[in-house]
Amino acid sequence: MNQNRFKSPVMWAAVIAQVVAIIGLAGGWATLGITSDVFQGVATGVLEILTLVGVLNNPTDSTKF
């Protein structure tokens, strides 16, 4: 299997998750009117997990993650 990393949907999900996480940490949640610390913590955690999965993914090798 020969796949380009830039065509991997997992990689793009990780990039988008990281951008949203950075915006959220910079105060983006407050501009949306969300001031709950619990929501902000959970949302940031989920976005960081998505980023981690995208970083660990290897789309060029179908037998390994």
PDB file of N, CA and C in Angstrom:
ATOM      1  N   MET A   1       0.852  -1.185   0.000  1.00  0.00           N
ATOM      2  CA  MET A   1       0.000   0.000   0.000  1.00  0.00           C
ATOM      3  C   MET A   1       0.888   1.235   0.000  1.00  0.00           C
ATOM      4  N   ASN A   2       0.741   2.047  -0.993  1.00  0.00           N
ATOM      5  CA  ASN A   2       1.525   3.263  -1.107  1.00  0.00           C
ATOM      6  C   ASN A   2       0.584   4.461  -1.029  1.00  0.00           C
ATOM      7  N   GLN A   3       0.551   5.085   0.135  1.00  0.00           N
ATOM      8  CA  GLN A   3      -0.363   6.205   0.343  1.00  0.00           C
ATOM      9  C   GLN A   3       0.416   7.421   0.819  1.00  0.00           C
ATOM     10  N   ASN A   4       0.053   8.553   0.311  1.00  0.00           N
ATOM     11  CA  ASN A   4       0.665   9.806   0.685  1.00  0.00           C
ATOM     12  C   ASN A   4       0.110  10.259   2.040  1.00  0.00           C
ATOM     13  N   ARG A   5       0.963  10.754   2.903  1.00  0.00           N
ATOM     14  CA  ARG A   5       0.519  11.226   4.219  1.00  0.00           C
ATOM     15  C   ARG A   5      -0.477  12.385   4.098  1.00  0.00           C
ATOM     16  N   PHE A   6      -0.317  13.231   3.104  1.00  0.00           N
ATOM     17  CA  PHE A   6      -1.183  14.393   2.974  1.00  0.00           C
ATOM     18  C   PHE A   6      -2.565  14.046   2.444  1.00  0.00           C
ATOM     19  N   LYS A   7      -2.776  12.803   2.034  1.00  0.00           N
ATOM     20  CA  LYS A   7      -4.097  12.347   1.610  1.00  0.00           C
ATOM     21  C   LYS A   7      -4.800  11.564   2.722  1.00  0.00           C
ATOM     22  N   SER A   8      -4.172  11.452   3.867  1.00  0.00           N
ATOM     23  CA  SER A   8      -4.721  10.687   4.984  1.00  0.00           C
ATOM     24  C   SER A   8      -5.745  11.525   5.756  1.00  0.00           C
ATOM     25  N   PRO A   9      -6.991  11.058   5.872  1.00  0.00           N
ATOM     26  CA  PRO A   9      -7.980  11.808   6.642  1.00  0.00           C
ATOM     27  C   PRO A   9      -7.637  11.877   8.128  1.00  0.00           C
ATOM     28  N   VAL A  10      -6.914  10.885   8.634  1.00  0.00           N
ATOM     29  CA  VAL A  10      -6.515  10.901  10.044  1.00  0.00           C
ATOM     30  C   VAL A  10      -5.525  12.036  10.296  1.00  0.00           C
ATOM     31  N   MET A  11      -4.605  12.249   9.377  1.00  0.00           N
ATOM     32  CA  MET A  11      -3.643  13.328   9.527  1.00  0.00           C
ATOM     33  C   MET A  11      -4.338  14.688   9.496  1.00  0.00           C
ATOM     34  N   TRP A  12      -5.299  14.847   8.587  1.00  0.00           N
ATOM     35  CA  TRP A  12      -6.015  16.126   8.513  1.00  0.00           C
ATOM     36  C   TRP A  12      -6.910  16.345   9.730  1.00  0.00           C
ATOM     37  N   ALA A  13      -7.494  15.284  10.271  1.00  0.00           N
ATOM     38  CA  ALA A  13      -8.277  15.414  11.508  1.00  0.00           C
ATOM     39  C   ALA A  13      -7.378  15.866  12.651  1.00  0.00           C
ATOM     40  N   ALA A  14      -6.156  15.359  12.691  1.00  0.00           N
ATOM     41  CA  ALA A  14      -5.218  15.759  13.729  1.00  0.00           C
ATOM     42  C   ALA A  14      -4.811  17.227  13.582  1.00  0.00           C
ATOM     43  N   VAL A  15      -4.566  17.656  12.356  1.00  0.00           N
ATOM     44  CA  VAL A  15      -4.195  19.053  12.128  1.00  0.00           C
ATOM     45  C   VAL A  15      -5.335  19.985  12.527  1.00  0.00           C
ATOM     46  N   ILE A  16      -6.546  19.657  12.125  1.00  0.00           N
ATOM     47  CA  ILE A  16      -7.704  20.488  12.474  1.00  0.00           C
ATOM     48  C   ILE A  16      -7.932  20.485  13.981  1.00  0.00           C
ATOM     49  N   ALA A  17      -7.788  19.327  14.622  1.00  0.00           N
ATOM     50  CA  ALA A  17      -7.958  19.246  16.074  1.00  0.00           C
ATOM     51  C   ALA A  17      -6.931  20.100  16.793  1.00  0.00           C
ATOM     52  N   GLN A  18      -5.699  20.098  16.317  1.00  0.00           N
ATOM     53  CA  GLN A  18      -4.669  20.909  16.963  1.00  0.00           C
ATOM     54  C   GLN A  18      -4.928  22.394  16.779  1.00  0.00           C
ATOM     55  N   VAL A  19      -5.372  22.803  15.609  1.00  0.00           N
ATOM     56  CA  VAL A  19      -5.693  24.218  15.374  1.00  0.00           C
ATOM     57  C   VAL A  19      -6.845  24.663  16.277  1.00  0.00           C
ATOM     58  N   VAL A  20      -7.888  23.828  16.370  1.00  0.00           N
ATOM     59  CA  VAL A  20      -9.026  24.164  17.238  1.00  0.00           C
ATOM     60  C   VAL A  20      -8.587  24.210  18.697  1.00  0.00           C
ATOM     61  N   ALA A  21      -7.707  23.288  19.111  1.00  0.00           N
ATOM     62  CA  ALA A  21      -7.210  23.289  20.482  1.00  0.00           C
ATOM     63  C   ALA A  21      -6.429  24.559  20.788  1.00  0.00           C
ATOM     64  N   ILE A  22      -5.599  24.987  19.855  1.00  0.00           N
ATOM     65  CA  ILE A  22      -4.824  26.215  20.058  1.00  0.00           C
ATOM     66  C   ILE A  22      -5.750  27.416  20.151  1.00  0.00           C
ATOM     67  N   ILE A  23      -6.745  27.475  19.297  1.00  0.00           N
ATOM     68  CA  ILE A  23      -7.712  28.580  19.355  1.00  0.00           C
ATOM     69  C   ILE A  23      -8.463  28.551  20.682  1.00  0.00           C
ATOM     70  N   GLY A  24      -8.858  27.358  21.114  1.00  0.00           N
ATOM     71  CA  GLY A  24      -9.566  27.232  22.388  1.00  0.00           C
ATOM     72  C   GLY A  24      -8.712  27.649  23.568  1.00  0.00           C
ATOM     73  N   LEU A  25      -7.445  27.268  23.566  1.00  0.00           N
ATOM     74  CA  LEU A  25      -6.549  27.646  24.660  1.00  0.00           C
ATOM     75  C   LEU A  25      -6.223  29.138  24.646  1.00  0.00           C
ATOM     76  N   ALA A  26      -6.336  29.757  23.489  1.00  0.00           N
ATOM     77  CA  ALA A  26      -6.055  31.190  23.375  1.00  0.00           C
ATOM     78  C   ALA A  26      -7.279  32.035  23.729  1.00  0.00           C
ATOM     79  N   GLY A  27      -8.359  31.399  24.164  1.00  0.00           N
ATOM     80  CA  GLY A  27      -9.546  32.140  24.560  1.00  0.00           C
ATOM     81  C   GLY A  27     -10.692  32.020  23.592  1.00  0.00           C
ATOM     82  N   GLY A  28     -10.601  31.114  22.664  1.00  0.00           N
ATOM     83  CA  GLY A  28     -11.654  30.939  21.669  1.00  0.00           C
ATOM     84  C   GLY A  28     -12.973  30.463  22.254  1.00  0.00           C
ATOM     85  N   TRP A  29     -12.910  29.662  23.333  1.00  0.00           N
ATOM     86  CA  TRP A  29     -14.155  29.192  23.943  1.00  0.00           C
ATOM     87  C   TRP A  29     -14.919  30.355  24.567  1.00  0.00           C
ATOM     88  N   ALA A  30     -14.213  31.301  25.144  1.00  0.00           N
ATOM     89  CA  ALA A  30     -14.879  32.445  25.786  1.00  0.00           C
ATOM     90  C   ALA A  30     -15.597  33.314  24.759  1.00  0.00           C
ATOM     91  N   THR A  31     -15.042  33.427  23.558  1.00  0.00           N
ATOM     92  CA  THR A  31     -15.699  34.246  22.535  1.00  0.00           C
ATOM     93  C   THR A  31     -16.995  33.593  22.058  1.00  0.00           C
ATOM     94  N   LEU A  32     -17.095  32.269  22.243  1.00  0.00           N
ATOM     95  CA  LEU A  32     -18.338  31.572  21.903  1.00  0.00           C
ATOM     96  C   LEU A  32     -19.343  31.600  23.048  1.00  0.00           C
ATOM     97  N   GLY A  33     -18.956  32.193  24.178  1.00  0.00           N
ATOM     98  CA  GLY A  33     -19.849  32.275  25.327  1.00  0.00           C
ATOM     99  C   GLY A  33     -19.768  31.068  26.242  1.00  0.00           C
ATOM    100  N   ILE A  34     -18.783  30.202  26.029  1.00  0.00           N
ATOM    101  CA  ILE A  34     -18.620  29.012  26.860  1.00  0.00           C
ATOM    102  C   ILE A  34     -17.574  29.320  27.919  1.00  0.00           C
ATOM    103  N   THR A  35     -18.015  29.429  29.165  1.00  0.00           N
ATOM    104  CA  THR A  35     -17.098  29.793  30.237  1.00  0.00           C
ATOM    105  C   THR A  35     -16.884  28.661  31.236  1.00  0.00           C
ATOM    106  N   SER A  36     -17.503  27.513  31.013  1.00  0.00           N
ATOM    107  CA  SER A  36     -17.364  26.383  31.927  1.00  0.00           C
ATOM    108  C   SER A  36     -15.958  25.787  31.836  1.00  0.00           C
ATOM    109  N   ASP A  37     -15.274  25.744  32.976  1.00  0.00           N
ATOM    110  CA  ASP A  37     -13.933  25.168  32.999  1.00  0.00           C
ATOM    111  C   ASP A  37     -13.958  23.676  32.707  1.00  0.00           C
ATOM    112  N   VAL A  38     -15.033  23.002  33.114  1.00  0.00           N
ATOM    113  CA  VAL A  38     -15.146  21.571  32.855  1.00  0.00           C
ATOM    114  C   VAL A  38     -15.242  21.323  31.353  1.00  0.00           C
ATOM    115  N   PHE A  39     -16.080  22.070  30.657  1.00  0.00           N
ATOM    116  CA  PHE A  39     -16.209  21.909  29.207  1.00  0.00           C
ATOM    117  C   PHE A  39     -14.892  22.196  28.516  1.00  0.00           C
ATOM    118  N   GLN A  40     -14.236  23.265  28.913  1.00  0.00           N
ATOM    119  CA  GLN A  40     -12.975  23.631  28.282  1.00  0.00           C
ATOM    120  C   GLN A  40     -11.926  22.543  28.478  1.00  0.00           C
ATOM    121  N   GLY A  41     -11.871  21.967  29.667  1.00  0.00           N
ATOM    122  CA  GLY A  41     -10.910  20.907  29.942  1.00  0.00           C
ATOM    123  C   GLY A  41     -11.200  19.648  29.147  1.00  0.00           C
ATOM    124  N   VAL A  42     -12.470  19.243  29.089  1.00  0.00           N
ATOM    125  CA  VAL A  42     -12.849  18.044  28.349  1.00  0.00           C
ATOM    126  C   VAL A  42     -12.621  18.255  26.854  1.00  0.00           C
ATOM    127  N   ALA A  43     -13.018  19.398  26.334  1.00  0.00           N
ATOM    128  CA  ALA A  43     -12.845  19.674  24.911  1.00  0.00           C
ATOM    129  C   ALA A  43     -11.365  19.681  24.534  1.00  0.00           C
ATOM    130  N   THR A  44     -10.544  20.293  25.348  1.00  0.00           N
ATOM    131  CA  THR A  44      -9.113  20.332  25.075  1.00  0.00           C
ATOM    132  C   THR A  44      -8.521  18.923  25.134  1.00  0.00           C
ATOM    133  N   GLY A  45      -8.952  18.123  26.097  1.00  0.00           N
ATOM    134  CA  GLY A  45      -8.465  16.751  26.194  1.00  0.00           C
ATOM    135  C   GLY A  45      -8.828  15.910  24.986  1.00  0.00           C
ATOM    136  N   VAL A  46     -10.071  16.017  24.526  1.00  0.00           N
ATOM    137  CA  VAL A  46     -10.509  15.262  23.349  1.00  0.00           C
ATOM    138  C   VAL A  46      -9.730  15.698  22.109  1.00  0.00           C
ATOM    139  N   LEU A  47      -9.543  16.988  21.949  1.00  0.00           N
ATOM    140  CA  LEU A  47      -8.796  17.490  20.792  1.00  0.00           C
ATOM    141  C   LEU A  47      -7.342  17.032  20.825  1.00  0.00           C
ATOM    142  N   GLU A  48      -6.744  16.989  22.002  1.00  0.00           N
ATOM    143  CA  GLU A  48      -5.361  16.542  22.108  1.00  0.00           C
ATOM    144  C   GLU A  48      -5.236  15.044  21.836  1.00  0.00           C
ATOM    145  N   ILE A  49      -6.235  14.245  22.227  1.00  0.00           N
ATOM    146  CA  ILE A  49      -6.222  12.816  21.903  1.00  0.00           C
ATOM    147  C   ILE A  49      -6.309  12.616  20.398  1.00  0.00           C
ATOM    148  N   LEU A  50      -7.172  13.388  19.729  1.00  0.00           N
ATOM    149  CA  LEU A  50      -7.256  13.303  18.270  1.00  0.00           C
ATOM    150  C   LEU A  50      -5.921  13.661  17.615  1.00  0.00           C
ATOM    151  N   THR A  51      -5.259  14.660  18.157  1.00  0.00           N
ATOM    152  CA  THR A  51      -3.955  15.055  17.632  1.00  0.00           C
ATOM    153  C   THR A  51      -2.940  13.943  17.837  1.00  0.00           C
ATOM    154  N   LEU A  52      -2.932  13.327  19.010  1.00  0.00           N
ATOM    155  CA  LEU A  52      -2.000  12.244  19.296  1.00  0.00           C
ATOM    156  C   LEU A  52      -2.213  11.065  18.358  1.00  0.00           C
ATOM    157  N   VAL A  53      -3.467  10.705  18.108  1.00  0.00           N
ATOM    158  CA  VAL A  53      -3.757   9.597  17.197  1.00  0.00           C
ATOM    159  C   VAL A  53      -3.255   9.932  15.790  1.00  0.00           C
ATOM    160  N   GLY A  54      -3.428  11.145  15.368  1.00  0.00           N
ATOM    161  CA  GLY A  54      -2.958  11.543  14.047  1.00  0.00           C
ATOM    162  C   GLY A  54      -1.450  11.543  13.935  1.00  0.00           C
ATOM    163  N   VAL A  55      -0.759  11.888  15.001  1.00  0.00           N
ATOM    164  CA  VAL A  55       0.696  11.902  14.982  1.00  0.00           C
ATOM    165  C   VAL A  55       1.236  10.478  14.967  1.00  0.00           C
ATOM    166  N   LEU A  56       0.607   9.575  15.698  1.00  0.00           N
ATOM    167  CA  LEU A  56       1.082   8.196  15.775  1.00  0.00           C
ATOM    168  C   LEU A  56       0.696   7.359  14.562  1.00  0.00           C
ATOM    169  N   ASN A  57      -0.269   7.816  13.785  1.00  0.00           N
ATOM    170  CA  ASN A  57      -0.738   7.057  12.630  1.00  0.00           C
ATOM    171  C   ASN A  57       0.310   7.055  11.525  1.00  0.00           C
ATOM    172  N   ASN A  58       0.449   5.905  10.862  1.00  0.00           N
ATOM    173  CA  ASN A  58       1.372   5.784   9.739  1.00  0.00           C
ATOM    174  C   ASN A  58       0.587   5.277   8.523  1.00  0.00           C
ATOM    175  N   PRO A  59       0.086   6.164   7.667  1.00  0.00           N
ATOM    176  CA  PRO A  59      -0.734   5.730   6.540  1.00  0.00           C
ATOM    177  C   PRO A  59       0.059   5.030   5.439  1.00  0.00           C
ATOM    178  N   THR A  60       1.369   5.085   5.504  1.00  0.00           N
ATOM    179  CA  THR A  60       2.163   4.452   4.456  1.00  0.00           C
ATOM    180  C   THR A  60       2.390   2.961   4.702  1.00  0.00           C
ATOM    181  N   ASP A  61       2.004   2.473   5.883  1.00  0.00           N
ATOM    182  CA  ASP A  61       2.190   1.059   6.222  1.00  0.00           C
ATOM    183  C   ASP A  61       0.855   0.492   6.701  1.00  0.00           C
ATOM    184  N   SER A  62       0.253  -0.400   5.933  1.00  0.00           N
ATOM    185  CA  SER A  62      -1.072  -0.899   6.274  1.00  0.00           C
ATOM    186  C   SER A  62      -1.063  -1.933   7.391  1.00  0.00           C
ATOM    187  N   THR A  63       0.108  -2.458   7.757  1.00  0.00           N
ATOM    188  CA  THR A  63       0.154  -3.475   8.801  1.00  0.00           C
ATOM    189  C   THR A  63       0.374  -2.908  10.190  1.00  0.00           C
ATOM    190  N   LYS A  64       0.784  -1.684  10.275  1.00  0.00           N
ATOM    191  CA  LYS A  64       1.053  -1.045  11.575  1.00  0.00           C
ATOM    192  C   LYS A  64       0.174   0.180  11.724  1.00  0.00           C
ATOM    193  N   PHE A  65       0.000   0.616  12.953  1.00  0.00           N
ATOM    194  CA  PHE A  65      -0.798   1.794  13.244  1.00  0.00           C
ATOM    195  C   PHE A  65       0.003   3.003  12.845  1.00  0.00           C
TER     196      PHE A  65
END
